[in-house]
Full PDB file with SEQRES, HELIX, SHEET, SSBOND, CRYST1, ORIGX, SCALE, CONECT and MASTER records, all heavy atoms in Angstrom:
SEQRES   1 A   38  LEU LEU LEU PRO VAL PHE TRP GLY GLU ALA LEU TYR VAL          
SEQRES   2 A   38  PRO PRO PHE ALA ARG ALA SER LEU LEU ARG SER ALA PRO          
SEQRES   3 A   38  ALA PHE GLU ARG ILE ALA GLY ARG PHE SER LEU PRO              
HELIX    1 AA1 ALA A   19  ARG A   23  1                                   5    
HELIX    2 AA2 ALA A   25  ARG A   34  1                                  10    
CRYST1    1.000    1.000    1.000  90.00  90.00  90.00 P 1           1          
ORIGX1      1.000000  0.000000  0.000000        0.00000                         
ORIGX2      0.000000  1.000000  0.000000        0.00000                         
ORIGX3      0.000000  0.000000  1.000000        0.00000                         
SCALE1      1.000000  0.000000  0.000000        0.00000                         
SCALE2      0.000000  1.000000  0.000000        0.00000                         
SCALE3      0.000000  0.000000  1.000000        0.00000                         
ATOM      1  N   LEU A   1      15.985 -22.057   2.806  1.00  0.00           N  
ATOM      2  CA  LEU A   1      16.732 -21.980   1.549  1.00  0.00           C  
ATOM      3  C   LEU A   1      15.921 -21.321   0.425  1.00  0.00           C  
ATOM      4  O   LEU A   1      15.967 -21.758  -0.735  1.00  0.00           O  
ATOM      5  CB  LEU A   1      17.220 -23.377   1.122  1.00  0.00           C  
ATOM      6  CG  LEU A   1      18.186 -24.020   2.096  1.00  0.00           C  
ATOM      7  CD1 LEU A   1      18.684 -25.351   1.534  1.00  0.00           C  
ATOM      8  CD2 LEU A   1      19.372 -23.124   2.421  1.00  0.00           C  
ATOM      9  N   LEU A   2      15.191 -20.300   0.777  1.00  0.00           N  
ATOM     10  CA  LEU A   2      14.515 -19.453  -0.200  1.00  0.00           C  
ATOM     11  C   LEU A   2      15.122 -18.055  -0.125  1.00  0.00           C  
ATOM     12  O   LEU A   2      15.068 -17.411   0.916  1.00  0.00           O  
ATOM     13  CB  LEU A   2      13.009 -19.409   0.081  1.00  0.00           C  
ATOM     14  CG  LEU A   2      12.294 -20.767  -0.119  1.00  0.00           C  
ATOM     15  CD1 LEU A   2      10.893 -20.712   0.498  1.00  0.00           C  
ATOM     16  CD2 LEU A   2      12.222 -21.150  -1.581  1.00  0.00           C  
ATOM     17  N   LEU A   3      15.730 -17.630  -1.225  1.00  0.00           N  
ATOM     18  CA  LEU A   3      16.488 -16.377  -1.227  1.00  0.00           C  
ATOM     19  C   LEU A   3      15.629 -15.218  -1.700  1.00  0.00           C  
ATOM     20  O   LEU A   3      15.202 -15.191  -2.864  1.00  0.00           O  
ATOM     21  CB  LEU A   3      17.704 -16.545  -2.160  1.00  0.00           C  
ATOM     22  CG  LEU A   3      18.604 -15.311  -2.337  1.00  0.00           C  
ATOM     23  CD1 LEU A   3      19.288 -14.983  -1.004  1.00  0.00           C  
ATOM     24  CD2 LEU A   3      19.636 -15.538  -3.426  1.00  0.00           C  
ATOM     25  N   PRO A   4      15.345 -14.231  -0.849  1.00  0.00           N  
ATOM     26  CA  PRO A   4      14.534 -13.088  -1.276  1.00  0.00           C  
ATOM     27  C   PRO A   4      15.231 -12.292  -2.381  1.00  0.00           C  
ATOM     28  O   PRO A   4      16.411 -11.987  -2.296  1.00  0.00           O  
ATOM     29  CB  PRO A   4      14.421 -12.264   0.015  1.00  0.00           C  
ATOM     30  CG  PRO A   4      14.646 -13.230   1.122  1.00  0.00           C  
ATOM     31  CD  PRO A   4      15.644 -14.190   0.589  1.00  0.00           C  
ATOM     32  N   VAL A   5      14.452 -11.937  -3.407  1.00  0.00           N  
ATOM     33  CA  VAL A   5      14.958 -11.118  -4.506  1.00  0.00           C  
ATOM     34  C   VAL A   5      14.154  -9.828  -4.659  1.00  0.00           C  
ATOM     35  O   VAL A   5      14.547  -8.946  -5.435  1.00  0.00           O  
ATOM     36  CB  VAL A   5      14.945 -11.902  -5.842  1.00  0.00           C  
ATOM     37  CG1 VAL A   5      15.910 -13.082  -5.752  1.00  0.00           C  
ATOM     38  CG2 VAL A   5      13.534 -12.371  -6.198  1.00  0.00           C  
ATOM     39  N   PHE A   6      13.051  -9.701  -3.936  1.00  0.00           N  
ATOM     40  CA  PHE A   6      12.230  -8.502  -3.998  1.00  0.00           C  
ATOM     41  C   PHE A   6      11.441  -8.374  -2.713  1.00  0.00           C  
ATOM     42  O   PHE A   6      10.869  -9.349  -2.216  1.00  0.00           O  
ATOM     43  CB  PHE A   6      11.275  -8.554  -5.194  1.00  0.00           C  
ATOM     44  CG  PHE A   6      10.237  -7.458  -5.160  1.00  0.00           C  
ATOM     45  CD1 PHE A   6      10.539  -6.187  -5.594  1.00  0.00           C  
ATOM     46  CD2 PHE A   6       8.946  -7.710  -4.671  1.00  0.00           C  
ATOM     47  CE1 PHE A   6       9.568  -5.155  -5.536  1.00  0.00           C  
ATOM     48  CE2 PHE A   6       7.990  -6.718  -4.616  1.00  0.00           C  
ATOM     49  CZ  PHE A   6       8.323  -5.428  -5.062  1.00  0.00           C  
ATOM     50  N   TRP A   7      11.414  -7.144  -2.167  1.00  0.00           N  
ATOM     51  CA  TRP A   7      10.577  -6.835  -1.009  1.00  0.00           C  
ATOM     52  C   TRP A   7       9.640  -5.707  -1.350  1.00  0.00           C  
ATOM     53  O   TRP A   7      10.042  -4.711  -1.961  1.00  0.00           O  
ATOM     54  CB  TRP A   7      11.448  -6.423   0.176  1.00  0.00           C  
ATOM     55  CG  TRP A   7      12.203  -7.523   0.814  1.00  0.00           C  
ATOM     56  CD1 TRP A   7      13.488  -7.911   0.484  1.00  0.00           C  
ATOM     57  CD2 TRP A   7      11.776  -8.386   1.854  1.00  0.00           C  
ATOM     58  NE1 TRP A   7      13.864  -8.970   1.291  1.00  0.00           N  
ATOM     59  CE2 TRP A   7      12.852  -9.285   2.126  1.00  0.00           C  
ATOM     60  CE3 TRP A   7      10.594  -8.487   2.602  1.00  0.00           C  
ATOM     61  CZ2 TRP A   7      12.744 -10.255   3.107  1.00  0.00           C  
ATOM     62  CZ3 TRP A   7      10.484  -9.474   3.565  1.00  0.00           C  
ATOM     63  CH2 TRP A   7      11.575 -10.346   3.817  1.00  0.00           C  
ATOM     64  N   GLY A   8       8.401  -5.819  -0.943  1.00  0.00           N  
ATOM     65  CA  GLY A   8       7.449  -4.751  -1.165  1.00  0.00           C  
ATOM     66  C   GLY A   8       6.395  -4.776  -0.073  1.00  0.00           C  
ATOM     67  O   GLY A   8       6.287  -5.724   0.711  1.00  0.00           O  
ATOM     68  N   GLU A   9       5.598  -3.728  -0.040  1.00  0.00           N  
ATOM     69  CA  GLU A   9       4.462  -3.645   0.872  1.00  0.00           C  
ATOM     70  C   GLU A   9       3.251  -3.144   0.100  1.00  0.00           C  
ATOM     71  O   GLU A   9       3.386  -2.480  -0.920  1.00  0.00           O  
ATOM     72  CB  GLU A   9       4.747  -2.712   2.052  1.00  0.00           C  
ATOM     73  CG  GLU A   9       5.812  -3.228   2.998  1.00  0.00           C  
ATOM     74  CD  GLU A   9       5.955  -2.352   4.250  1.00  0.00           C  
ATOM     75  OE1 GLU A   9       4.954  -1.777   4.696  1.00  0.00           O  
ATOM     76  OE2 GLU A   9       7.081  -2.251   4.755  1.00  0.00           O  
ATOM     77  N   ALA A  10       2.061  -3.485   0.588  1.00  0.00           N  
ATOM     78  CA  ALA A  10       0.811  -3.017  -0.014  1.00  0.00           C  
ATOM     79  C   ALA A  10      -0.208  -2.861   1.084  1.00  0.00           C  
ATOM     80  O   ALA A  10       0.026  -3.191   2.241  1.00  0.00           O  
ATOM     81  CB  ALA A  10       0.319  -4.012  -1.084  1.00  0.00           C  
ATOM     82  N   LEU A  11      -1.380  -2.323   0.722  1.00  0.00           N  
ATOM     83  CA  LEU A  11      -2.490  -2.074   1.624  1.00  0.00           C  
ATOM     84  C   LEU A  11      -2.136  -1.014   2.668  1.00  0.00           C  
ATOM     85  O   LEU A  11      -2.184  -1.239   3.889  1.00  0.00           O  
ATOM     86  CB  LEU A  11      -2.932  -3.375   2.313  1.00  0.00           C  
ATOM     87  CG  LEU A  11      -3.396  -4.506   1.373  1.00  0.00           C  
ATOM     88  CD1 LEU A  11      -3.948  -5.684   2.187  1.00  0.00           C  
ATOM     89  CD2 LEU A  11      -4.381  -4.037   0.340  1.00  0.00           C  
ATOM     90  N   TYR A  12      -1.809   0.154   2.171  1.00  0.00           N  
ATOM     91  CA  TYR A  12      -1.602   1.303   3.037  1.00  0.00           C  
ATOM     92  C   TYR A  12      -2.928   1.946   3.448  1.00  0.00           C  
ATOM     93  O   TYR A  12      -2.994   2.641   4.448  1.00  0.00           O  
ATOM     94  CB  TYR A  12      -0.722   2.342   2.354  1.00  0.00           C  
ATOM     95  CG  TYR A  12       0.722   1.910   2.211  1.00  0.00           C  
ATOM     96  CD1 TYR A  12       1.140   1.201   1.087  1.00  0.00           C  
ATOM     97  CD2 TYR A  12       1.662   2.199   3.186  1.00  0.00           C  
ATOM     98  CE1 TYR A  12       2.452   0.787   0.935  1.00  0.00           C  
ATOM     99  CE2 TYR A  12       2.984   1.794   3.050  1.00  0.00           C  
ATOM    100  CZ  TYR A  12       3.364   1.096   1.931  1.00  0.00           C  
ATOM    101  OH  TYR A  12       4.667   0.679   1.803  1.00  0.00           O  
ATOM    102  N   VAL A  13      -3.962   1.733   2.661  1.00  0.00           N  
ATOM    103  CA  VAL A  13      -5.262   2.300   2.998  1.00  0.00           C  
ATOM    104  C   VAL A  13      -5.784   1.626   4.263  1.00  0.00           C  
ATOM    105  O   VAL A  13      -5.620   0.406   4.453  1.00  0.00           O  
ATOM    106  CB  VAL A  13      -6.255   2.087   1.808  1.00  0.00           C  
ATOM    107  CG1 VAL A  13      -6.491   0.607   1.565  1.00  0.00           C  
ATOM    108  CG2 VAL A  13      -7.582   2.797   2.090  1.00  0.00           C  
ATOM    109  N   PRO A  14      -6.409   2.340   5.190  1.00  0.00           N  
ATOM    110  CA  PRO A  14      -6.958   1.711   6.401  1.00  0.00           C  
ATOM    111  C   PRO A  14      -8.015   0.660   6.047  1.00  0.00           C  
ATOM    112  O   PRO A  14      -8.768   0.820   5.070  1.00  0.00           O  
ATOM    113  CB  PRO A  14      -7.576   2.884   7.159  1.00  0.00           C  
ATOM    114  CG  PRO A  14      -6.805   4.080   6.685  1.00  0.00           C  
ATOM    115  CD  PRO A  14      -6.495   3.818   5.244  1.00  0.00           C  
ATOM    116  N   PRO A  15      -8.092  -0.433   6.818  1.00  0.00           N  
ATOM    117  CA  PRO A  15      -8.966  -1.559   6.500  1.00  0.00           C  
ATOM    118  C   PRO A  15     -10.400  -1.354   6.925  1.00  0.00           C  
ATOM    119  O   PRO A  15     -10.955  -2.162   7.673  1.00  0.00           O  
ATOM    120  CB  PRO A  15      -8.317  -2.728   7.246  1.00  0.00           C  
ATOM    121  CG  PRO A  15      -7.741  -2.071   8.456  1.00  0.00           C  
ATOM    122  CD  PRO A  15      -7.241  -0.731   8.001  1.00  0.00           C  
ATOM    123  N   PHE A  16     -11.003  -0.292   6.443  1.00  0.00           N  
ATOM    124  CA  PHE A  16     -12.382   0.004   6.808  1.00  0.00           C  
ATOM    125  C   PHE A  16     -13.202   0.190   5.521  1.00  0.00           C  
ATOM    126  O   PHE A  16     -12.722   0.805   4.561  1.00  0.00           O  
ATOM    127  CB  PHE A  16     -12.465   1.252   7.678  1.00  0.00           C  
ATOM    128  CG  PHE A  16     -11.608   1.187   8.917  1.00  0.00           C  
ATOM    129  CD1 PHE A  16     -10.545   2.055   9.079  1.00  0.00           C  
ATOM    130  CD2 PHE A  16     -11.840   0.220   9.876  1.00  0.00           C  
ATOM    131  CE1 PHE A  16      -9.747   1.984  10.198  1.00  0.00           C  
ATOM    132  CE2 PHE A  16     -11.046   0.135  11.012  1.00  0.00           C  
ATOM    133  CZ  PHE A  16      -9.977   1.026  11.166  1.00  0.00           C  
ATOM    134  N   ALA A  17     -14.424  -0.310   5.555  1.00  0.00           N  
ATOM    135  CA  ALA A  17     -15.261  -0.306   4.335  1.00  0.00           C  
ATOM    136  C   ALA A  17     -16.006   0.973   4.144  1.00  0.00           C  
ATOM    137  O   ALA A  17     -17.217   0.995   3.900  1.00  0.00           O  
ATOM    138  CB  ALA A  17     -16.220  -1.496   4.390  1.00  0.00           C  
ATOM    139  N   ARG A  18     -15.317   2.095   4.258  1.00  0.00           N  
ATOM    140  CA  ARG A  18     -15.938   3.385   4.000  1.00  0.00           C  
ATOM    141  C   ARG A  18     -15.697   3.769   2.527  1.00  0.00           C  
ATOM    142  O   ARG A  18     -14.589   3.659   2.037  1.00  0.00           O  
ATOM    143  CB  ARG A  18     -15.330   4.453   4.913  1.00  0.00           C  
ATOM    144  CG  ARG A  18     -15.549   4.182   6.398  1.00  0.00           C  
ATOM    145  CD  ARG A  18     -14.808   5.206   7.247  1.00  0.00           C  
ATOM    146  NE  ARG A  18     -14.932   4.883   8.674  1.00  0.00           N  
ATOM    147  CZ  ARG A  18     -14.233   5.496   9.622  1.00  0.00           C  
ATOM    148  NH1 ARG A  18     -13.342   6.417   9.296  1.00  0.00           N  
ATOM    149  NH2 ARG A  18     -14.391   5.159  10.891  1.00  0.00           N  
ATOM    150  N   ALA A  19     -16.741   4.228   1.893  1.00  0.00           N  
ATOM    151  CA  ALA A  19     -16.645   4.510   0.465  1.00  0.00           C  
ATOM    152  C   ALA A  19     -15.539   5.517   0.160  1.00  0.00           C  
ATOM    153  O   ALA A  19     -14.801   5.374  -0.836  1.00  0.00           O  
ATOM    154  CB  ALA A  19     -17.968   5.029  -0.060  1.00  0.00           C  
ATOM    155  N   SER A  20     -15.364   6.507   0.996  1.00  0.00           N  
ATOM    156  CA  SER A  20     -14.327   7.524   0.735  1.00  0.00           C  
ATOM    157  C   SER A  20     -12.926   6.930   0.805  1.00  0.00           C  
ATOM    158  O   SER A  20     -12.048   7.274  -0.005  1.00  0.00           O  
ATOM    159  CB  SER A  20     -14.452   8.689   1.730  1.00  0.00           C  
ATOM    160  OG  SER A  20     -14.324   8.206   3.089  1.00  0.00           O  
ATOM    161  N   LEU A  21     -12.718   6.025   1.755  1.00  0.00           N  
ATOM    162  CA  LEU A  21     -11.405   5.378   1.866  1.00  0.00           C  
ATOM    163  C   LEU A  21     -11.141   4.460   0.691  1.00  0.00           C  
ATOM    164  O   LEU A  21     -10.030   4.420   0.143  1.00  0.00           O  
ATOM    165  CB  LEU A  21     -11.337   4.586   3.180  1.00  0.00           C  
ATOM    166  CG  LEU A  21     -11.159   5.396   4.472  1.00  0.00           C  
ATOM    167  CD1 LEU A  21     -11.175   4.475   5.666  1.00  0.00           C  
ATOM    168  CD2 LEU A  21      -9.844   6.166   4.422  1.00  0.00           C  
ATOM    169  N   LEU A  22     -12.157   3.715   0.278  1.00  0.00           N  
ATOM    170  CA  LEU A  22     -12.000   2.763  -0.833  1.00  0.00           C  
ATOM    171  C   LEU A  22     -11.658   3.523  -2.131  1.00  0.00           C  
ATOM    172  O   LEU A  22     -10.852   3.063  -2.933  1.00  0.00           O  
ATOM    173  CB  LEU A  22     -13.240   1.921  -1.011  1.00  0.00           C  
ATOM    174  CG  LEU A  22     -13.624   1.028   0.178  1.00  0.00           C  
ATOM    175  CD1 LEU A  22     -14.849   0.182  -0.143  1.00  0.00           C  
ATOM    176  CD2 LEU A  22     -12.441   0.136   0.581  1.00  0.00           C  
ATOM    177  N   ARG A  23     -12.301   4.674  -2.320  1.00  0.00           N  
ATOM    178  CA  ARG A  23     -12.013   5.456  -3.534  1.00  0.00           C  
ATOM    179  C   ARG A  23     -10.600   6.013  -3.518  1.00  0.00           C  
ATOM    180  O   ARG A  23      -9.999   6.177  -4.575  1.00  0.00           O  
ATOM    181  CB  ARG A  23     -13.034   6.583  -3.658  1.00  0.00           C  
ATOM    182  CG  ARG A  23     -14.428   6.159  -4.051  1.00  0.00           C  
ATOM    183  CD  ARG A  23     -15.271   7.364  -4.481  1.00  0.00           C  
ATOM    184  NE  ARG A  23     -15.401   8.355  -3.393  1.00  0.00           N  
ATOM    185  CZ  ARG A  23     -16.400   8.341  -2.528  1.00  0.00           C  
ATOM    186  NH1 ARG A  23     -17.344   7.416  -2.604  1.00  0.00           N  
ATOM    187  NH2 ARG A  23     -16.481   9.268  -1.578  1.00  0.00           N  
ATOM    188  N   SER A  24     -10.090   6.296  -2.325  1.00  0.00           N  
ATOM    189  CA  SER A  24      -8.757   6.893  -2.234  1.00  0.00           C  
ATOM    190  C   SER A  24      -7.641   5.858  -2.099  1.00  0.00           C  
ATOM    191  O   SER A  24      -6.473   6.237  -2.001  1.00  0.00           O  
ATOM    192  CB  SER A  24      -8.688   7.848  -1.047  1.00  0.00           C  
ATOM    193  OG  SER A  24      -8.947   7.160   0.196  1.00  0.00           O  
ATOM    194  N   ALA A  25      -7.986   4.576  -2.120  1.00  0.00           N  
ATOM    195  CA  ALA A  25      -6.975   3.529  -1.919  1.00  0.00           C  
ATOM    196  C   ALA A  25      -5.818   3.618  -2.917  1.00  0.00           C  
ATOM    197  O   ALA A  25      -4.655   3.506  -2.549  1.00  0.00           O  
ATOM    198  CB  ALA A  25      -7.636   2.148  -1.975  1.00  0.00           C  
ATOM    199  N   PRO A  26      -6.087   3.813  -4.236  1.00  0.00           N  
ATOM    200  CA  PRO A  26      -4.954   3.947  -5.176  1.00  0.00           C  
ATOM    201  C   PRO A  26      -4.010   5.095  -4.843  1.00  0.00           C  
ATOM    202  O   PRO A  26      -2.805   4.989  -5.018  1.00  0.00           O  
ATOM    203  CB  PRO A  26      -5.626   4.136  -6.525  1.00  0.00           C  
ATOM    204  CG  PRO A  26      -6.986   3.518  -6.369  1.00  0.00           C  
ATOM    205  CD  PRO A  26      -7.373   3.806  -4.943  1.00  0.00           C  
ATOM    206  N   ALA A  27      -4.556   6.184  -4.334  1.00  0.00           N  
ATOM    207  CA  ALA A  27      -3.739   7.318  -3.958  1.00  0.00           C  
ATOM    208  C   ALA A  27      -2.826   6.989  -2.790  1.00  0.00           C  
ATOM    209  O   ALA A  27      -1.652   7.356  -2.743  1.00  0.00           O  
ATOM    210  CB  ALA A  27      -4.600   8.547  -3.613  1.00  0.00           C  
ATOM    211  N   PHE A  28      -3.361   6.247  -1.786  1.00  0.00           N  
ATOM    212  CA  PHE A  28      -2.527   5.792  -0.668  1.00  0.00           C  
ATOM    213  C   PHE A  28      -1.354   4.998  -1.185  1.00  0.00           C  
ATOM    214  O   PHE A  28      -0.212   5.196  -0.737  1.00  0.00           O  
ATOM    215  CB  PHE A  28      -3.367   4.922   0.285  1.00  0.00           C  
ATOM    216  CG  PHE A  28      -4.178   5.671   1.296  1.00  0.00           C  
ATOM    217  CD1 PHE A  28      -5.506   6.010   1.053  1.00  0.00           C  
ATOM    218  CD2 PHE A  28      -3.625   6.029   2.520  1.00  0.00           C  
ATOM    219  CE1 PHE A  28      -6.271   6.692   1.983  1.00  0.00           C  
ATOM    220  CE2 PHE A  28      -4.381   6.712   3.466  1.00  0.00           C  
ATOM    221  CZ  PHE A  28      -5.695   7.059   3.196  1.00  0.00           C  
ATOM    222  N   GLU A  29      -1.596   4.069  -2.108  1.00  0.00           N  
ATOM    223  CA  GLU A  29      -0.532   3.198  -2.627  1.00  0.00           C  
ATOM    224  C   GLU A  29       0.493   3.994  -3.415  1.00  0.00           C  
ATOM    225  O   GLU A  29       1.689   3.773  -3.304  1.00  0.00           O  
ATOM    226  CB  GLU A  29      -1.132   2.082  -3.486  1.00  0.00           C  
ATOM    227  CG  GLU A  29      -2.148   1.218  -2.796  1.00  0.00           C  
ATOM    228  CD  GLU A  29      -1.579   0.426  -1.633  1.00  0.00           C  
ATOM    229  OE1 GLU A  29      -0.568  -0.263  -1.810  1.00  0.00           O  
ATOM    230  OE2 GLU A  29      -2.163   0.522  -0.525  1.00  0.00           O  
ATOM    231  N   ARG A  30       0.028   4.927  -4.246  1.00  0.00           N  
ATOM    232  CA  ARG A  30       0.957   5.720  -5.057  1.00  0.00           C  
ATOM    233  C   ARG A  30       1.889   6.565  -4.195  1.00  0.00           C  
ATOM    234  O   ARG A  30       3.106   6.606  -4.416  1.00  0.00           O  
ATOM    235  CB  ARG A  30       0.193   6.625  -6.030  1.00  0.00           C  
ATOM    236  CG  ARG A  30      -0.415   5.911  -7.234  1.00  0.00           C  
ATOM    237  CD  ARG A  30      -0.807   6.910  -8.284  1.00  0.00           C  
ATOM    238  NE  ARG A  30      -1.775   7.902  -7.789  1.00  0.00           N  
ATOM    239  CZ  ARG A  30      -3.083   7.757  -7.836  1.00  0.00           C  
ATOM    240  NH1 ARG A  30      -3.619   6.638  -8.321  1.00  0.00           N  
ATOM    241  NH2 ARG A  30      -3.898   8.690  -7.349  1.00  0.00           N  
ATOM    242  N   ILE A  31       1.332   7.236  -3.220  1.00  0.00           N  
ATOM    243  CA  ILE A  31       2.145   8.101  -2.345  1.00  0.00           C  
ATOM    244  C   ILE A  31       3.134   7.261  -1.533  1.00  0.00           C  
ATOM    245  O   ILE A  31       4.319   7.597  -1.444  1.00  0.00           O  
ATOM    246  CB  ILE A  31       1.242   8.916  -1.423  1.00  0.00           C  
ATOM    247  CG1 ILE A  31       0.400   9.909  -2.248  1.00  0.00           C  
ATOM    248  CG2 ILE A  31       2.056   9.657  -0.380  1.00  0.00           C  
ATOM    249  CD1 ILE A  31      -0.683  10.596  -1.444  1.00  0.00           C  
ATOM    250  N   ALA A  32       2.657   6.159  -0.960  1.00  0.00           N  
ATOM    251  CA  ALA A  32       3.545   5.318  -0.144  1.00  0.00           C  
ATOM    252  C   ALA A  32       4.635   4.715  -1.013  1.00  0.00           C  
ATOM    253  O   ALA A  32       5.806   4.621  -0.604  1.00  0.00           O  
ATOM    254  CB  ALA A  32       2.740   4.204   0.521  1.00  0.00           C  
ATOM    255  N   GLY A  33       4.278   4.263  -2.215  1.00  0.00           N  
ATOM    256  CA  GLY A  33       5.271   3.688  -3.105  1.00  0.00           C  
ATOM    257  C   GLY A  33       6.301   4.697  -3.578  1.00  0.00           C  
ATOM    258  O   GLY A  33       7.495   4.389  -3.690  1.00  0.00           O  
ATOM    259  N   ARG A  34       5.850   5.903  -3.851  1.00  0.00           N  
ATOM    260  CA  ARG A  34       6.773   6.937  -4.349  1.00  0.00           C  
ATOM    261  C   ARG A  34       7.834   7.270  -3.300  1.00  0.00           C  
ATOM    262  O   ARG A  34       8.990   7.501  -3.644  1.00  0.00           O  
ATOM    263  CB  ARG A  34       5.976   8.176  -4.706  1.00  0.00           C  
ATOM    264  CG  ARG A  34       6.825   9.319  -5.270  1.00  0.00           C  
ATOM    265  CD  ARG A  34       5.930  10.507  -5.638  1.00  0.00           C  
ATOM    266  NE  ARG A  34       4.872  10.094  -6.561  1.00  0.00           N  
ATOM    267  CZ  ARG A  34       3.834  10.857  -6.874  1.00  0.00           C  
ATOM    268  NH1 ARG A  34       3.685  12.057  -6.283  1.00  0.00           N  
ATOM    269  NH2 ARG A  34       2.905  10.452  -7.716  1.00  0.00           N  
ATOM    270  N   PHE A  35       7.456   7.275  -2.027  1.00  0.00           N  
ATOM    271  CA  PHE A  35       8.405   7.651  -0.988  1.00  0.00           C  
ATOM    272  C   PHE A  35       8.914   6.446  -0.172  1.00  0.00           C  
ATOM    273  O   PHE A  35       9.589   6.638   0.835  1.00  0.00           O  
ATOM    274  CB  PHE A  35       7.745   8.656  -0.039  1.00  0.00           C  
ATOM    275  CG  PHE A  35       7.380   9.963  -0.696  1.00  0.00           C  
ATOM    276  CD1 PHE A  35       6.083  10.212  -1.093  1.00  0.00           C  
ATOM    277  CD2 PHE A  35       8.354  10.911  -0.967  1.00  0.00           C  
ATOM    278  CE1 PHE A  35       5.723  11.406  -1.716  1.00  0.00           C  
ATOM    279  CE2 PHE A  35       8.031  12.101  -1.588  1.00  0.00           C  
ATOM    280  CZ  PHE A  35       6.716  12.371  -1.982  1.00  0.00           C  
ATOM    281  N   SER A  36       8.588   5.251  -0.645  1.00  0.00           N  
ATOM    282  CA  SER A  36       9.029   4.007   0.034  1.00  0.00           C  
ATOM    283  C   SER A  36       8.714   4.030   1.524  1.00  0.00           C  
ATOM    284  O   SER A  36       9.561   3.750   2.382  1.00  0.00           O  
ATOM    285  CB  SER A  36      10.531   3.819  -0.162  1.00  0.00           C  
ATOM    286  OG  SER A  36      10.850   3.700  -1.540  1.00  0.00           O  
ATOM    287  N   LEU A  37       7.479   4.380   1.824  1.00  0.00           N  
ATOM    288  CA  LEU A  37       7.071   4.504   3.220  1.00  0.00           C  
ATOM    289  C   LEU A  37       6.847   3.118   3.857  1.00  0.00           C  
ATOM    290  O   LEU A  37       6.391   2.189   3.191  1.00  0.00           O  
ATOM    291  CB  LEU A  37       5.787   5.315   3.308  1.00  0.00           C  
ATOM    292  CG  LEU A  37       5.845   6.761   2.774  1.00  0.00           C  
ATOM    293  CD1 LEU A  37       4.492   7.413   2.886  1.00  0.00           C  
ATOM    294  CD2 LEU A  37       6.887   7.550   3.571  1.00  0.00           C  
ATOM    295  N   PRO A  38       7.126   2.978   5.172  1.00  0.00           N  
ATOM    296  CA  PRO A  38       6.780   1.770   5.889  1.00  0.00           C  
ATOM    297  C   PRO A  38       5.306   1.810   6.277  1.00  0.00           C  
ATOM    298  O   PRO A  38       4.636   2.821   6.090  1.00  0.00           O  
ATOM    299  CB  PRO A  38       7.698   1.829   7.116  1.00  0.00           C  
ATOM    300  CG  PRO A  38       7.846   3.301   7.367  1.00  0.00           C  
ATOM    301  CD  PRO A  38       7.851   3.966   5.991  1.00  0.00           C  
TER     302      PRO A  38                                                      
MASTER        0    0    0    2    0    0    0    6  301    1    0    3          
END                                                                             
């Protein structure tokens, strides 16, 4: 009896502790959010 009112996803960046990936994490989220990617 909990009615969903919003669905979203996060953490599109791969889960690896590489500095280049961590720096690009906001870009992954922006692109995925803009196109509603799974």
